[in-house]
């Protein structure tokens, strides 16, 4: 099969393969930058917690995982110093899981690494066109109401 001859390859396979390869390269570069202890699910959790934070239940909903799995992710990230549990502003027994300075630094590094990778890939692919077309696919399947959560369902 020639390099650009993927017309007969199923869309879901190409999307999955592209995601796998880009994520693998991104994760490898993050490890080189000193973040080898974090996995993609941790990055998804960081994205879900940006801003004001979330309860563990809200995090579970945003990630599409069980409450127990979200609790394990929070426990792990708390041990590593990336999140902390604060009293919920509405009171009660609930806790608000918020990012620490270490997590915000990770997000800054991850953002730089991702932009560098995208710039490199842009030399061999039209990422603007790809982004527009994938946006059309997302809107066709999800509707016009923003982006759905990215959930690790594979």
Protein backbone atom coordinates (compact mmCIF):
# COMPACT_ATOMS: atom_id res chain seq x y z
CA UNK A 1 0.00 0.00 0.00
CA UNK A 2 1.41 3.37 -0.97
CA UNK A 3 1.82 6.01 1.71
CA UNK A 4 -1.16 8.16 0.59
CA UNK A 5 -3.35 5.31 -0.63
CA UNK A 6 -5.70 4.85 2.32
CA UNK A 7 -9.02 5.35 0.51
CA UNK A 8 -10.09 1.76 1.22
CA UNK A 9 -9.17 1.83 4.92
CA UNK A 10 -12.11 2.20 7.29
CA UNK A 11 -12.51 5.65 8.82
CA UNK A 12 -12.64 4.37 12.40
CA UNK A 13 -9.40 2.46 11.87
CA UNK A 14 -7.61 5.51 10.45
CA UNK A 15 -8.93 7.77 13.22
CA UNK A 16 -7.89 5.26 15.87
CA UNK A 17 -4.48 4.72 14.34
CA UNK A 18 -3.89 8.47 13.99
CA UNK A 19 -4.93 9.01 17.61
CA UNK A 20 -2.71 6.16 18.81
CA UNK A 21 0.35 7.39 16.93
CA UNK A 22 -0.01 11.06 17.87
CA UNK A 23 -0.77 10.20 21.51
CA UNK A 24 2.19 7.81 21.66
CA UNK A 25 4.56 10.47 20.31
CA UNK A 26 3.08 13.09 22.64
CA UNK A 27 3.36 10.79 25.68
CA UNK A 28 6.96 9.92 24.81
CA UNK A 29 7.90 13.57 24.55
CA UNK A 30 6.22 14.33 27.86
CA UNK A 31 8.24 11.53 29.46
CA UNK A 32 11.42 13.12 28.07
CA UNK A 33 10.28 16.41 29.64
CA UNK A 34 10.07 14.76 33.06
CA UNK A 35 6.46 13.59 33.12
CA UNK A 36 6.90 9.87 32.56
CA UNK A 37 4.82 9.14 35.65
CA UNK A 38 1.60 10.34 34.01
CA UNK A 39 -0.63 8.44 31.59
CA UNK A 40 -3.16 9.82 29.10
CA UNK A 41 -6.04 9.31 31.57
CA UNK A 42 -4.27 11.69 33.95
CA UNK A 43 -4.18 14.35 31.25
CA UNK A 44 -7.88 13.80 30.58
CA UNK A 45 -8.54 14.24 34.30
CA UNK A 46 -6.49 17.46 34.34
CA UNK A 47 -8.57 18.80 31.45
CA UNK A 48 -11.78 17.87 33.26
CA UNK A 49 -10.59 19.58 36.47
CA UNK A 50 -9.34 22.82 34.90
CA UNK A 51 -11.06 25.91 36.16
CA UNK A 52 -12.91 25.55 39.43
CA UNK A 53 -12.33 21.81 39.81
CA UNK A 54 -14.98 19.13 40.27
CA UNK A 55 -16.27 16.60 42.73
CA UNK A 56 -15.18 13.01 42.19
CA UNK A 57 -18.71 12.26 40.97
CA UNK A 58 -18.54 15.08 38.42
CA UNK A 59 -15.12 13.87 37.32
CA UNK A 60 -16.54 10.36 36.81
CA UNK A 61 -19.30 11.80 34.62
CA UNK A 62 -16.88 13.92 32.58
CA UNK A 63 -14.52 11.00 32.00
CA UNK A 64 -17.24 8.42 31.46
CA UNK A 65 -15.88 6.15 34.20
CA UNK A 66 -17.34 4.75 37.40
CA UNK A 67 -17.27 6.74 40.62
CA UNK A 68 -14.86 4.15 42.01
CA UNK A 69 -12.48 4.58 39.06
CA UNK A 70 -12.63 8.37 39.41
CA UNK A 71 -11.91 8.02 43.12
CA UNK A 72 -8.86 5.87 42.35
CA UNK A 73 -7.61 8.42 39.81
CA UNK A 74 -8.05 11.23 42.36
CA UNK A 75 -6.31 9.21 45.10
CA UNK A 76 -3.40 8.49 42.77
CA UNK A 77 -3.06 12.10 41.59
CA UNK A 78 -3.33 13.37 45.16
CA UNK A 79 -0.49 11.05 46.27
CA UNK A 80 1.61 12.40 43.40
CA UNK A 81 0.86 16.01 44.37
CA UNK A 82 -1.14 16.93 41.27
CA UNK A 83 -4.54 17.49 42.93
CA UNK A 84 -5.91 18.31 46.35
CA UNK A 85 -9.33 17.96 47.91
CA UNK A 86 -10.79 21.22 49.20
CA UNK A 87 -14.05 21.76 51.07
CA UNK A 88 -16.89 22.21 48.59
CA UNK A 89 -18.01 25.86 48.42
CA UNK A 90 -21.63 24.77 48.91
CA UNK A 91 -20.72 23.00 52.15
CA UNK A 92 -21.64 19.49 53.18
CA UNK A 93 -19.40 16.45 53.05
CA UNK A 94 -18.52 16.81 49.37
CA UNK A 95 -14.99 17.72 48.40
CA UNK A 96 -13.88 19.75 45.42
CA UNK A 97 -10.92 18.21 43.60
CA UNK A 98 -8.68 21.00 42.30
CA UNK A 99 -5.41 21.08 40.41
CA UNK A 100 -2.23 22.02 42.23
CA UNK A 101 0.60 24.17 40.90
CA UNK A 102 2.36 20.95 39.83
CA UNK A 103 -0.61 19.99 37.65
CA UNK A 104 -0.82 23.48 36.15
CA UNK A 105 2.90 23.31 35.34
CA UNK A 106 2.34 19.92 33.70
CA UNK A 107 -0.47 21.40 31.60
CA UNK A 108 1.81 24.25 30.49
CA UNK A 109 4.58 21.82 29.49
CA UNK A 110 2.07 19.52 27.80
CA UNK A 111 0.65 22.46 25.85
CA UNK A 112 4.11 23.44 24.60
CA UNK A 113 4.94 19.84 23.65
CA UNK A 114 1.64 19.43 21.82
CA UNK A 115 2.06 22.69 19.88
CA UNK A 116 5.60 21.67 18.87
CA UNK A 117 4.35 18.27 17.71
CA UNK A 118 1.49 19.84 15.76
CA UNK A 119 3.91 22.28 14.11
CA UNK A 120 6.11 19.37 13.02
CA UNK A 121 3.13 17.39 11.73
CA UNK A 122 1.91 20.48 9.90
CA UNK A 123 4.93 20.18 7.64
CA UNK A 124 3.59 16.94 6.18
CA UNK A 125 -0.18 17.29 6.64
CA UNK A 126 -2.77 20.03 6.33
CA UNK A 127 -3.78 20.08 10.00
CA UNK A 128 -6.12 23.03 9.47
CA UNK A 129 -8.13 21.08 6.92
CA UNK A 130 -8.04 17.97 9.09
CA UNK A 131 -9.26 19.95 12.11
CA UNK A 132 -12.10 21.50 10.08
CA UNK A 133 -13.20 18.14 8.66
CA UNK A 134 -13.05 16.39 12.03
CA UNK A 135 -15.03 19.30 13.48
CA UNK A 136 -17.70 18.68 10.85
CA UNK A 137 -17.81 14.99 11.78
CA UNK A 138 -18.16 15.85 15.49
CA UNK A 139 -20.95 18.36 14.79
CA UNK A 140 -22.76 15.84 12.55
CA UNK A 141 -22.69 13.20 15.27
CA UNK A 142 -22.94 15.35 18.42
CA UNK A 143 -24.77 18.48 17.31
CA UNK A 144 -23.86 22.13 17.54
CA UNK A 145 -23.58 22.33 21.34
CA UNK A 146 -19.81 22.39 21.74
CA UNK A 147 -17.57 19.41 22.24
CA UNK A 148 -18.63 16.23 23.98
CA UNK A 149 -16.27 14.86 26.65
CA UNK A 150 -13.48 12.65 25.35
CA UNK A 151 -14.07 9.37 27.12
CA UNK A 152 -11.68 6.42 27.04
CA UNK A 153 -14.19 3.85 25.79
CA UNK A 154 -11.81 1.74 23.71
